[in-house]
N, C-alpha and C. Protein backbone atom coordinates (compact mmCIF):
# COMPACT_ATOMS: atom_id res chain seq x y z
N MET A 1 134.10 121.76 58.33
CA MET A 1 133.73 121.24 59.64
C MET A 1 132.66 122.15 60.23
N VAL A 2 131.54 121.55 60.66
CA VAL A 2 130.43 122.33 61.21
C VAL A 2 130.00 121.76 62.56
N ARG A 3 129.45 122.65 63.37
CA ARG A 3 128.78 122.22 64.59
C ARG A 3 127.33 121.91 64.22
N HIS A 4 126.71 121.01 64.95
CA HIS A 4 125.31 120.66 64.69
C HIS A 4 124.39 121.87 64.89
N GLY A 5 123.18 121.76 64.36
CA GLY A 5 122.19 122.81 64.52
C GLY A 5 121.60 122.84 65.93
N GLN A 6 120.77 123.85 66.16
CA GLN A 6 120.21 124.08 67.50
C GLN A 6 119.28 122.94 67.93
N THR A 7 119.35 122.63 69.21
CA THR A 7 118.42 121.70 69.85
C THR A 7 117.66 122.44 70.94
N ASP A 8 116.61 121.83 71.46
CA ASP A 8 115.89 122.46 72.56
C ASP A 8 116.77 122.56 73.80
N TYR A 9 117.72 121.65 73.95
CA TYR A 9 118.65 121.73 75.08
C TYR A 9 119.50 122.99 74.96
N ASN A 10 119.98 123.30 73.75
CA ASN A 10 120.70 124.55 73.54
C ASN A 10 119.82 125.74 73.89
N LEU A 11 118.61 125.72 73.38
CA LEU A 11 117.69 126.84 73.54
C LEU A 11 117.34 127.07 75.00
N ARG A 12 117.15 126.01 75.76
CA ARG A 12 116.69 126.11 77.14
C ARG A 12 117.82 126.15 78.15
N GLY A 13 119.07 126.10 77.69
CA GLY A 13 120.19 126.16 78.62
C GLY A 13 120.34 124.91 79.46
N ILE A 14 120.16 123.74 78.83
CA ILE A 14 120.32 122.46 79.51
C ILE A 14 121.60 121.81 78.99
N VAL A 15 122.38 121.26 79.89
CA VAL A 15 123.64 120.64 79.51
C VAL A 15 123.38 119.39 78.67
N GLN A 16 124.07 119.27 77.53
CA GLN A 16 123.91 118.09 76.67
C GLN A 16 125.08 117.14 76.87
N GLY A 17 126.12 117.27 76.07
CA GLY A 17 127.24 116.34 76.16
C GLY A 17 126.99 115.06 75.40
N SER A 18 127.90 114.11 75.53
CA SER A 18 127.81 112.87 74.74
C SER A 18 126.73 111.93 75.23
N GLY A 19 126.23 112.14 76.45
CA GLY A 19 125.23 111.23 76.99
C GLY A 19 123.80 111.63 76.68
N ILE A 20 123.60 112.76 76.01
CA ILE A 20 122.27 113.23 75.64
C ILE A 20 122.15 113.17 74.12
N ASP A 21 121.31 112.29 73.62
CA ASP A 21 121.17 112.12 72.17
C ASP A 21 119.93 112.87 71.70
N SER A 22 120.04 114.18 71.67
CA SER A 22 118.89 115.04 71.39
C SER A 22 118.69 115.25 69.90
N ASP A 23 117.48 115.68 69.55
CA ASP A 23 117.12 116.01 68.17
C ASP A 23 117.27 117.51 67.92
N LEU A 24 117.42 117.87 66.66
CA LEU A 24 117.34 119.28 66.30
C LEU A 24 115.91 119.78 66.55
N ASN A 25 115.80 121.05 66.95
CA ASN A 25 114.48 121.67 67.02
C ASN A 25 114.18 122.35 65.69
N GLU A 26 113.08 123.07 65.61
CA GLU A 26 112.69 123.69 64.35
C GLU A 26 113.76 124.67 63.86
N ARG A 27 114.32 125.44 64.78
CA ARG A 27 115.39 126.37 64.41
C ARG A 27 116.60 125.61 63.86
N GLY A 28 116.94 124.51 64.50
CA GLY A 28 118.06 123.70 64.03
C GLY A 28 117.83 123.14 62.65
N ARG A 29 116.60 122.72 62.38
CA ARG A 29 116.27 122.21 61.05
C ARG A 29 116.36 123.31 60.00
N GLN A 30 115.96 124.53 60.37
CA GLN A 30 116.09 125.67 59.45
C GLN A 30 117.57 125.96 59.18
N GLN A 31 118.40 125.88 60.22
CA GLN A 31 119.83 126.11 60.04
C GLN A 31 120.43 125.05 59.12
N ALA A 32 120.04 123.80 59.32
CA ALA A 32 120.54 122.72 58.47
C ALA A 32 120.13 122.94 57.01
N ALA A 33 118.90 123.38 56.80
CA ALA A 33 118.43 123.63 55.44
C ALA A 33 119.18 124.78 54.79
N ALA A 34 119.45 125.82 55.57
CA ALA A 34 120.19 126.97 55.04
C ALA A 34 121.63 126.58 54.70
N PHE A 35 122.24 125.75 55.52
CA PHE A 35 123.59 125.29 55.24
C PHE A 35 123.61 124.46 53.96
N PHE A 36 122.67 123.55 53.84
CA PHE A 36 122.60 122.72 52.64
C PHE A 36 122.38 123.56 51.39
N ASP A 37 121.49 124.54 51.49
CA ASP A 37 121.19 125.37 50.33
C ASP A 37 122.44 126.12 49.85
N THR A 38 123.30 126.52 50.79
CA THR A 38 124.51 127.26 50.43
C THR A 38 125.59 126.35 49.87
N PHE A 39 125.71 125.13 50.40
CA PHE A 39 126.86 124.28 50.07
C PHE A 39 126.49 123.00 49.33
N LYS A 40 125.27 122.92 48.82
CA LYS A 40 124.80 121.68 48.19
C LYS A 40 125.59 121.32 46.93
N ASP A 41 126.23 122.30 46.31
CA ASP A 41 126.96 122.02 45.07
C ASP A 41 128.43 121.71 45.32
N ILE A 42 128.88 121.72 46.57
CA ILE A 42 130.24 121.32 46.87
C ILE A 42 130.34 119.80 46.70
N PRO A 43 131.31 119.30 45.95
CA PRO A 43 131.39 117.86 45.68
C PRO A 43 132.06 117.10 46.84
N PHE A 44 131.35 116.98 47.95
CA PHE A 44 131.91 116.26 49.09
C PHE A 44 132.09 114.77 48.74
N ASP A 45 133.27 114.26 49.07
CA ASP A 45 133.53 112.84 48.85
C ASP A 45 132.92 111.98 49.94
N LYS A 46 132.80 112.54 51.13
CA LYS A 46 132.18 111.82 52.24
C LYS A 46 131.76 112.81 53.32
N VAL A 47 130.76 112.42 54.08
CA VAL A 47 130.34 113.16 55.27
C VAL A 47 130.67 112.32 56.49
N TYR A 48 131.36 112.91 57.45
CA TYR A 48 131.65 112.26 58.72
C TYR A 48 130.83 112.95 59.82
N THR A 49 130.26 112.15 60.69
CA THR A 49 129.53 112.69 61.83
C THR A 49 129.96 111.96 63.10
N SER A 50 129.53 112.50 64.22
CA SER A 50 129.64 111.75 65.47
C SER A 50 128.57 110.67 65.46
N ALA A 51 128.47 109.92 66.54
CA ALA A 51 127.45 108.88 66.65
C ALA A 51 126.13 109.43 67.17
N LEU A 52 126.04 110.73 67.40
CA LEU A 52 124.84 111.34 67.98
C LEU A 52 123.95 111.92 66.88
N LYS A 53 122.65 111.70 67.02
CA LYS A 53 121.73 111.98 65.92
C LYS A 53 121.60 113.45 65.57
N ARG A 54 121.91 114.36 66.48
CA ARG A 54 121.82 115.78 66.12
C ARG A 54 122.83 116.14 65.02
N THR A 55 123.96 115.41 64.95
CA THR A 55 124.88 115.65 63.84
C THR A 55 124.35 115.02 62.56
N HIS A 56 123.75 113.84 62.64
CA HIS A 56 123.18 113.20 61.45
C HIS A 56 122.08 114.08 60.86
N GLN A 57 121.22 114.61 61.72
CA GLN A 57 120.10 115.43 61.25
C GLN A 57 120.58 116.72 60.61
N SER A 58 121.72 117.23 61.06
CA SER A 58 122.24 118.50 60.55
C SER A 58 122.74 118.39 59.11
N ILE A 59 123.13 117.19 58.68
CA ILE A 59 123.67 117.03 57.33
C ILE A 59 122.84 116.02 56.52
N ARG A 60 121.63 115.72 56.99
CA ARG A 60 120.79 114.71 56.36
C ARG A 60 120.57 114.96 54.87
N SER A 61 120.44 116.21 54.47
CA SER A 61 120.16 116.51 53.06
C SER A 61 121.31 116.09 52.15
N PHE A 62 122.54 116.14 52.66
CA PHE A 62 123.68 115.68 51.86
C PHE A 62 123.62 114.16 51.68
N LEU A 63 123.18 113.47 52.73
CA LEU A 63 123.06 112.01 52.64
C LEU A 63 121.94 111.63 51.68
N ASP A 64 120.83 112.39 51.74
CA ASP A 64 119.72 112.14 50.82
C ASP A 64 120.15 112.35 49.37
N LYS A 65 121.15 113.20 49.19
CA LYS A 65 121.68 113.48 47.86
C LYS A 65 122.60 112.35 47.37
N GLY A 66 122.99 111.47 48.30
CA GLY A 66 123.81 110.33 47.93
C GLY A 66 125.26 110.41 48.36
N VAL A 67 125.63 111.44 49.15
CA VAL A 67 127.01 111.53 49.62
C VAL A 67 127.26 110.42 50.64
N PRO A 68 128.34 109.65 50.51
CA PRO A 68 128.64 108.59 51.48
C PRO A 68 128.81 109.15 52.88
N HIS A 69 128.47 108.34 53.88
CA HIS A 69 128.45 108.78 55.27
C HIS A 69 129.16 107.77 56.15
N GLU A 70 129.92 108.27 57.11
CA GLU A 70 130.52 107.41 58.12
C GLU A 70 130.42 108.11 59.46
N GLN A 71 129.94 107.40 60.47
CA GLN A 71 129.89 107.98 61.81
C GLN A 71 131.05 107.44 62.64
N LEU A 72 131.64 108.33 63.41
CA LEU A 72 132.78 107.98 64.25
C LEU A 72 132.50 108.46 65.67
N ALA A 73 132.40 107.52 66.60
CA ALA A 73 132.12 107.89 67.98
C ALA A 73 133.23 108.75 68.58
N GLY A 74 134.42 108.67 67.99
CA GLY A 74 135.52 109.51 68.45
C GLY A 74 135.24 110.99 68.29
N LEU A 75 134.27 111.35 67.44
CA LEU A 75 133.90 112.75 67.23
C LEU A 75 132.78 113.21 68.17
N ASN A 76 132.32 112.34 69.05
CA ASN A 76 131.24 112.70 69.98
C ASN A 76 131.64 113.89 70.85
N GLU A 77 130.61 114.56 71.35
CA GLU A 77 130.84 115.68 72.28
C GLU A 77 131.51 115.17 73.56
N ILE A 78 132.16 116.07 74.27
CA ILE A 78 132.71 115.74 75.57
C ILE A 78 131.59 115.24 76.48
N SER A 79 131.90 114.31 77.36
CA SER A 79 130.93 113.90 78.37
C SER A 79 130.98 114.88 79.52
N TRP A 80 129.83 115.50 79.80
CA TRP A 80 129.73 116.41 80.95
C TRP A 80 129.29 115.67 82.20
N GLY A 81 129.33 114.35 82.16
CA GLY A 81 129.12 113.54 83.34
C GLY A 81 127.80 113.78 84.04
N SER A 82 127.87 113.99 85.35
CA SER A 82 126.66 114.14 86.17
C SER A 82 125.90 115.41 85.85
N ARG A 83 126.49 116.31 85.08
CA ARG A 83 125.83 117.59 84.74
C ARG A 83 124.88 117.44 83.55
N GLU A 84 125.00 116.37 82.79
CA GLU A 84 124.18 116.24 81.59
C GLU A 84 122.70 116.14 81.93
N GLY A 85 121.90 116.88 81.18
CA GLY A 85 120.46 116.90 81.40
C GLY A 85 120.01 117.90 82.45
N MET A 86 120.95 118.65 83.04
CA MET A 86 120.62 119.60 84.10
C MET A 86 120.49 121.01 83.55
N MET A 87 119.57 121.77 84.12
CA MET A 87 119.47 123.19 83.81
C MET A 87 120.73 123.89 84.31
N ILE A 88 121.16 124.90 83.56
CA ILE A 88 122.34 125.66 83.97
C ILE A 88 121.90 126.74 84.96
N THR A 89 121.89 126.37 86.24
CA THR A 89 121.56 127.30 87.32
C THR A 89 122.78 128.18 87.59
N PRO A 90 122.62 129.25 88.39
CA PRO A 90 123.80 130.06 88.74
C PRO A 90 124.90 129.23 89.39
N GLU A 91 124.52 128.24 90.21
CA GLU A 91 125.51 127.39 90.87
C GLU A 91 126.24 126.52 89.84
N GLU A 92 125.48 125.92 88.93
CA GLU A 92 126.09 125.10 87.90
C GLU A 92 126.97 125.94 86.98
N ASP A 93 126.51 127.15 86.67
CA ASP A 93 127.29 128.04 85.81
C ASP A 93 128.62 128.39 86.48
N ALA A 94 128.59 128.61 87.78
CA ALA A 94 129.82 128.92 88.51
C ALA A 94 130.78 127.74 88.48
N TYR A 95 130.24 126.52 88.65
CA TYR A 95 131.08 125.31 88.59
C TYR A 95 131.69 125.17 87.20
N TYR A 96 130.87 125.35 86.17
CA TYR A 96 131.34 125.24 84.79
C TYR A 96 132.48 126.21 84.53
N HIS A 97 132.30 127.47 84.91
CA HIS A 97 133.32 128.47 84.63
C HIS A 97 134.59 128.24 85.44
N GLU A 98 134.46 127.65 86.59
CA GLU A 98 135.65 127.31 87.37
C GLU A 98 136.44 126.20 86.67
N VAL A 99 135.73 125.21 86.15
CA VAL A 99 136.40 124.13 85.41
C VAL A 99 137.06 124.69 84.15
N ILE A 100 136.35 125.54 83.42
CA ILE A 100 136.91 126.15 82.22
C ILE A 100 138.16 126.95 82.57
N ARG A 101 138.12 127.70 83.68
CA ARG A 101 139.28 128.50 84.10
C ARG A 101 140.49 127.60 84.35
N LYS A 102 140.27 126.47 84.99
CA LYS A 102 141.37 125.55 85.26
C LYS A 102 141.91 124.94 83.97
N TRP A 103 140.99 124.63 83.04
CA TRP A 103 141.45 124.12 81.74
C TRP A 103 142.32 125.17 81.05
N GLN A 104 141.90 126.42 81.10
CA GLN A 104 142.65 127.49 80.45
C GLN A 104 144.00 127.73 81.12
N GLN A 105 144.12 127.32 82.36
CA GLN A 105 145.40 127.43 83.06
C GLN A 105 146.29 126.21 82.82
N GLY A 106 145.80 125.27 82.02
CA GLY A 106 146.61 124.13 81.66
C GLY A 106 146.24 122.82 82.32
N GLU A 107 145.21 122.82 83.18
CA GLU A 107 144.80 121.58 83.85
C GLU A 107 143.84 120.80 82.95
N THR A 108 144.30 120.44 81.77
CA THR A 108 143.41 119.85 80.77
C THR A 108 143.16 118.36 80.98
N GLU A 109 143.74 117.77 82.02
CA GLU A 109 143.41 116.39 82.39
C GLU A 109 142.34 116.36 83.49
N LEU A 110 141.90 117.55 83.90
CA LEU A 110 140.83 117.65 84.91
C LEU A 110 139.51 117.25 84.28
N ARG A 111 138.83 116.29 84.90
CA ARG A 111 137.56 115.79 84.39
C ARG A 111 136.39 116.49 85.07
N ILE A 112 135.37 116.77 84.27
CA ILE A 112 134.07 117.13 84.83
C ILE A 112 133.61 115.96 85.70
N GLU A 113 132.94 116.26 86.80
CA GLU A 113 132.50 115.20 87.72
C GLU A 113 131.72 114.12 86.97
N GLY A 114 132.27 112.90 86.93
CA GLY A 114 131.62 111.79 86.24
C GLY A 114 131.78 111.81 84.74
N GLY A 115 132.55 112.75 84.21
CA GLY A 115 132.66 112.89 82.77
C GLY A 115 134.10 112.83 82.28
N GLU A 116 134.35 113.55 81.19
CA GLU A 116 135.64 113.51 80.54
C GLU A 116 136.43 114.80 80.74
N SER A 117 137.71 114.70 80.51
CA SER A 117 138.59 115.86 80.44
C SER A 117 138.85 116.19 78.98
N PRO A 118 139.35 117.39 78.69
CA PRO A 118 139.75 117.67 77.31
C PRO A 118 140.79 116.69 76.78
N GLN A 119 141.68 116.23 77.65
CA GLN A 119 142.68 115.26 77.22
C GLN A 119 142.05 113.94 76.83
N ASP A 120 141.01 113.53 77.58
CA ASP A 120 140.28 112.31 77.22
C ASP A 120 139.69 112.44 75.81
N VAL A 121 139.10 113.60 75.53
CA VAL A 121 138.49 113.82 74.22
C VAL A 121 139.57 113.82 73.14
N TYR A 122 140.67 114.49 73.40
CA TYR A 122 141.80 114.52 72.47
C TYR A 122 142.25 113.11 72.13
N ASP A 123 142.39 112.29 73.16
CA ASP A 123 142.90 110.93 72.95
C ASP A 123 141.97 110.08 72.11
N ARG A 124 140.64 110.22 72.31
CA ARG A 124 139.72 109.41 71.50
C ARG A 124 139.51 110.00 70.11
N GLN A 125 139.79 111.30 69.95
CA GLN A 125 139.69 111.91 68.63
C GLN A 125 140.86 111.54 67.72
N LYS A 126 142.01 111.29 68.33
CA LYS A 126 143.22 111.08 67.54
C LYS A 126 143.08 109.97 66.50
N PRO A 127 142.61 108.77 66.88
CA PRO A 127 142.44 107.74 65.84
C PRO A 127 141.35 108.08 64.83
N ALA A 128 140.33 108.83 65.25
CA ALA A 128 139.28 109.23 64.31
C ALA A 128 139.85 110.17 63.25
N LEU A 129 140.66 111.13 63.67
CA LEU A 129 141.27 112.06 62.72
C LEU A 129 142.24 111.32 61.80
N GLU A 130 143.02 110.42 62.37
CA GLU A 130 143.95 109.64 61.54
C GLU A 130 143.19 108.81 60.51
N HIS A 131 142.07 108.25 60.92
CA HIS A 131 141.25 107.46 59.99
C HIS A 131 140.76 108.32 58.83
N ILE A 132 140.30 109.54 59.13
CA ILE A 132 139.77 110.42 58.09
C ILE A 132 140.86 110.78 57.08
N VAL A 133 142.03 111.20 57.56
CA VAL A 133 143.06 111.69 56.65
C VAL A 133 143.73 110.55 55.88
N GLN A 134 143.61 109.33 56.36
CA GLN A 134 144.23 108.19 55.67
C GLN A 134 143.37 107.63 54.53
N GLN A 135 142.13 108.11 54.42
CA GLN A 135 141.26 107.57 53.37
C GLN A 135 141.72 108.05 51.99
N GLU A 136 141.81 107.13 51.05
CA GLU A 136 142.19 107.47 49.69
C GLU A 136 140.99 108.02 48.93
N ASN A 137 141.28 108.88 47.99
CA ASN A 137 140.26 109.45 47.10
C ASN A 137 139.21 110.27 47.84
N GLU A 138 139.59 110.86 48.96
CA GLU A 138 138.70 111.79 49.67
C GLU A 138 139.42 113.13 49.81
N GLU A 139 139.16 114.00 48.86
CA GLU A 139 139.82 115.31 48.85
C GLU A 139 139.04 116.37 49.63
N THR A 140 137.71 116.24 49.59
CA THR A 140 136.86 117.24 50.24
C THR A 140 135.84 116.51 51.10
N VAL A 141 135.93 116.70 52.40
CA VAL A 141 135.00 116.01 53.30
C VAL A 141 134.30 117.02 54.20
N LEU A 142 133.13 116.65 54.65
CA LEU A 142 132.35 117.45 55.59
C LEU A 142 132.31 116.69 56.91
N ILE A 143 132.69 117.37 57.99
CA ILE A 143 132.66 116.78 59.32
C ILE A 143 131.66 117.56 60.15
N CYS A 144 130.66 116.87 60.70
CA CYS A 144 129.68 117.51 61.57
C CYS A 144 129.84 116.96 62.98
N MET A 145 130.07 117.88 63.94
CA MET A 145 130.33 117.43 65.30
C MET A 145 129.76 118.41 66.31
N HIS A 146 130.49 118.69 67.38
CA HIS A 146 129.94 119.39 68.56
C HIS A 146 130.92 120.48 69.02
N GLY A 147 130.37 121.43 69.78
CA GLY A 147 131.13 122.62 70.12
C GLY A 147 132.44 122.38 70.85
N ARG A 148 132.39 121.77 72.04
CA ARG A 148 133.61 121.55 72.81
C ARG A 148 134.53 120.57 72.08
N ALA A 149 133.95 119.54 71.50
CA ALA A 149 134.75 118.56 70.76
C ALA A 149 135.44 119.21 69.56
N MET A 150 134.76 120.14 68.90
CA MET A 150 135.35 120.85 67.78
C MET A 150 136.56 121.66 68.23
N ARG A 151 136.43 122.31 69.38
CA ARG A 151 137.55 123.09 69.90
C ARG A 151 138.77 122.20 70.16
N VAL A 152 138.52 121.03 70.72
CA VAL A 152 139.61 120.10 70.99
C VAL A 152 140.24 119.62 69.68
N LEU A 153 139.41 119.29 68.69
CA LEU A 153 139.93 118.79 67.42
C LEU A 153 140.75 119.85 66.70
N LEU A 154 140.32 121.09 66.74
CA LEU A 154 141.08 122.17 66.10
C LEU A 154 142.43 122.35 66.77
N CYS A 155 142.47 122.22 68.09
CA CYS A 155 143.77 122.25 68.77
C CYS A 155 144.66 121.12 68.28
N GLN A 156 144.08 119.95 68.13
CA GLN A 156 144.84 118.80 67.67
C GLN A 156 145.37 119.03 66.25
N MET A 157 144.52 119.53 65.38
CA MET A 157 144.93 119.78 64.00
C MET A 157 146.05 120.81 63.92
N LEU A 158 145.93 121.88 64.67
CA LEU A 158 146.85 123.01 64.55
C LEU A 158 148.02 122.96 65.52
N HIS A 159 148.08 121.88 66.31
CA HIS A 159 149.14 121.72 67.30
C HIS A 159 149.15 122.85 68.34
N TYR A 160 147.94 123.28 68.71
CA TYR A 160 147.80 124.24 69.79
C TYR A 160 147.71 123.48 71.10
N PRO A 161 148.25 124.02 72.20
CA PRO A 161 148.01 123.38 73.50
C PRO A 161 146.53 123.43 73.83
N LEU A 162 146.03 122.39 74.49
CA LEU A 162 144.60 122.31 74.79
C LEU A 162 144.10 123.47 75.63
N ARG A 163 144.96 124.08 76.40
CA ARG A 163 144.51 125.22 77.21
C ARG A 163 144.04 126.38 76.34
N CYS A 164 144.38 126.36 75.05
CA CYS A 164 143.99 127.43 74.13
C CYS A 164 142.69 127.15 73.40
N MET A 165 141.99 126.07 73.73
CA MET A 165 140.85 125.64 72.91
C MET A 165 139.72 126.65 72.85
N ASP A 166 139.59 127.50 73.87
CA ASP A 166 138.48 128.46 73.84
C ASP A 166 138.73 129.62 72.89
N LEU A 167 139.90 129.64 72.25
CA LEU A 167 140.14 130.61 71.18
C LEU A 167 139.23 130.33 69.99
N PHE A 168 138.80 129.08 69.87
CA PHE A 168 137.98 128.67 68.73
C PHE A 168 136.50 128.82 69.07
N GLU A 169 135.94 129.94 68.69
CA GLU A 169 134.54 130.22 68.99
C GLU A 169 133.64 129.37 68.09
N HIS A 170 132.42 129.18 68.54
CA HIS A 170 131.48 128.40 67.74
C HIS A 170 130.06 128.79 68.08
N SER A 171 129.17 128.53 67.14
CA SER A 171 127.73 128.69 67.35
C SER A 171 127.05 127.59 66.56
N ASN A 172 125.75 127.42 66.76
CA ASN A 172 125.05 126.34 66.07
C ASN A 172 125.15 126.49 64.55
N LEU A 173 125.53 125.43 63.89
CA LEU A 173 125.72 125.32 62.45
C LEU A 173 126.74 126.33 61.91
N CYS A 174 127.74 126.66 62.72
CA CYS A 174 128.84 127.47 62.22
C CYS A 174 129.77 126.60 61.37
N LEU A 175 130.56 127.23 60.55
CA LEU A 175 131.45 126.54 59.62
C LEU A 175 132.90 126.93 59.85
N TYR A 176 133.76 125.94 59.91
CA TYR A 176 135.21 126.13 59.80
C TYR A 176 135.64 125.43 58.52
N ILE A 177 136.42 126.11 57.70
CA ILE A 177 137.06 125.45 56.56
C ILE A 177 138.53 125.29 56.90
N VAL A 178 138.99 124.04 56.86
CA VAL A 178 140.37 123.72 57.23
C VAL A 178 141.02 123.00 56.06
N ASN A 179 142.15 123.53 55.62
CA ASN A 179 142.91 122.91 54.53
C ASN A 179 144.04 122.08 55.10
N PHE A 180 144.26 120.91 54.52
CA PHE A 180 145.32 120.00 54.96
C PHE A 180 146.29 119.76 53.81
N THR A 181 147.56 120.02 54.03
CA THR A 181 148.57 119.89 52.98
C THR A 181 149.16 118.49 52.92
N GLY A 182 148.86 117.67 53.92
CA GLY A 182 149.50 116.38 54.05
C GLY A 182 150.43 116.34 55.24
N SER A 183 150.83 117.55 55.68
CA SER A 183 151.69 117.63 56.86
C SER A 183 151.23 118.68 57.86
N MET A 184 150.39 119.61 57.42
CA MET A 184 149.91 120.65 58.34
C MET A 184 148.52 121.13 57.92
N TYR A 185 147.80 121.70 58.90
CA TYR A 185 146.46 122.23 58.70
C TYR A 185 146.49 123.76 58.78
N ALA A 186 145.59 124.39 58.04
CA ALA A 186 145.43 125.85 58.12
C ALA A 186 143.95 126.18 58.02
N ILE A 187 143.50 127.12 58.86
CA ILE A 187 142.09 127.52 58.85
C ILE A 187 141.87 128.59 57.78
N GLU A 188 140.91 128.32 56.91
CA GLU A 188 140.54 129.28 55.87
C GLU A 188 139.35 130.13 56.30
N ARG A 189 138.38 129.51 56.97
CA ARG A 189 137.24 130.25 57.52
C ARG A 189 137.07 129.87 58.98
N PHE A 190 136.70 130.87 59.79
CA PHE A 190 136.67 130.72 61.25
C PHE A 190 135.27 131.05 61.75
N ASN A 191 134.56 130.06 62.31
CA ASN A 191 133.23 130.30 62.90
C ASN A 191 132.34 131.10 61.96
N ASP A 192 132.28 130.70 60.72
CA ASP A 192 131.53 131.41 59.69
C ASP A 192 130.05 131.05 59.77
N THR A 193 129.21 132.06 59.89
CA THR A 193 127.75 131.85 59.92
C THR A 193 127.05 132.65 58.82
N SER A 194 127.80 133.06 57.80
CA SER A 194 127.21 133.90 56.74
C SER A 194 126.08 133.17 56.03
N HIS A 195 126.11 131.85 56.00
CA HIS A 195 125.03 131.07 55.35
C HIS A 195 123.73 131.12 56.15
N LEU A 196 123.81 131.62 57.38
CA LEU A 196 122.62 131.72 58.24
C LEU A 196 122.09 133.15 58.31
N ARG A 197 122.65 134.03 57.50
CA ARG A 197 122.32 135.46 57.60
C ARG A 197 120.83 135.71 57.45
N GLU A 198 120.19 135.03 56.51
CA GLU A 198 118.76 135.24 56.29
C GLU A 198 117.95 134.81 57.50
N LEU A 199 118.38 133.74 58.19
CA LEU A 199 117.68 133.31 59.40
C LEU A 199 117.81 134.35 60.49
N VAL A 200 119.00 134.93 60.63
CA VAL A 200 119.23 135.95 61.67
C VAL A 200 118.32 137.14 61.43
N SER A 201 118.14 137.50 60.17
CA SER A 201 117.29 138.66 59.86
C SER A 201 115.83 138.41 60.16
N GLN A 202 115.45 137.12 60.31
CA GLN A 202 114.06 136.77 60.61
C GLN A 202 113.75 136.79 62.09
N VAL A 203 114.79 136.86 62.93
CA VAL A 203 114.58 136.81 64.38
C VAL A 203 113.96 138.10 64.88
C-alpha cells in the first residue's frame, strides 16, 4: 500500500482532499519512477487505486507493464470540504490542528466544515476493502491511495480505534507492506521510503 507521489498542492501547502483531482508534479513523477524501478519485478496480481488521477499516475508504469487495474472511489482521500483548494494560513492551520486534536480525543464523527469525518471515510472504505479481499486468485496486490485515507484504512485493517490513526505516519510515495492471513492483518513495513533514498540525496 502506497501513498501517491508529490503534487504541487503538497509542495505549496494547499489543501487537496477528494474534491481536488490534481496531477503529480515533476518530483512526484520521479518518486513514481523510483518506486517502479524498485518493485517492478514483484508479481502483482492487480493494482487498486482511488478514483483520483494522482494515484493512477503514481502506479502508471505497472499498468503499462500489463498489471490489471481497478479504481475504487471508496479509497478516495477524505473530503476537506470548504478547505479544499485553500492555502494553509496560520488561521487554517490552527483550525486543522483543533479538528485533529478532537479526532485524537475520540470525536471521530466530527466533520470538517462541508466535508467528511474519519467515520465517514471508514464507512465508505469498508465495502472497498471487503471487495479487495474477496477477489479470488489475487495473492499480491498494490493499493495506491492518500495520506489521511490510508491512516483510516490501516485502523480498519488492524482494528485500531480511529482516534489512533495519526500513529500511522506517511509521506509521498511511502510504502506499507501489510500481510493478511484471512482473519487478521499485520504490518511488515511501516512508512518505508528506502526506495526514494537516491532522490533524497539529490535534494
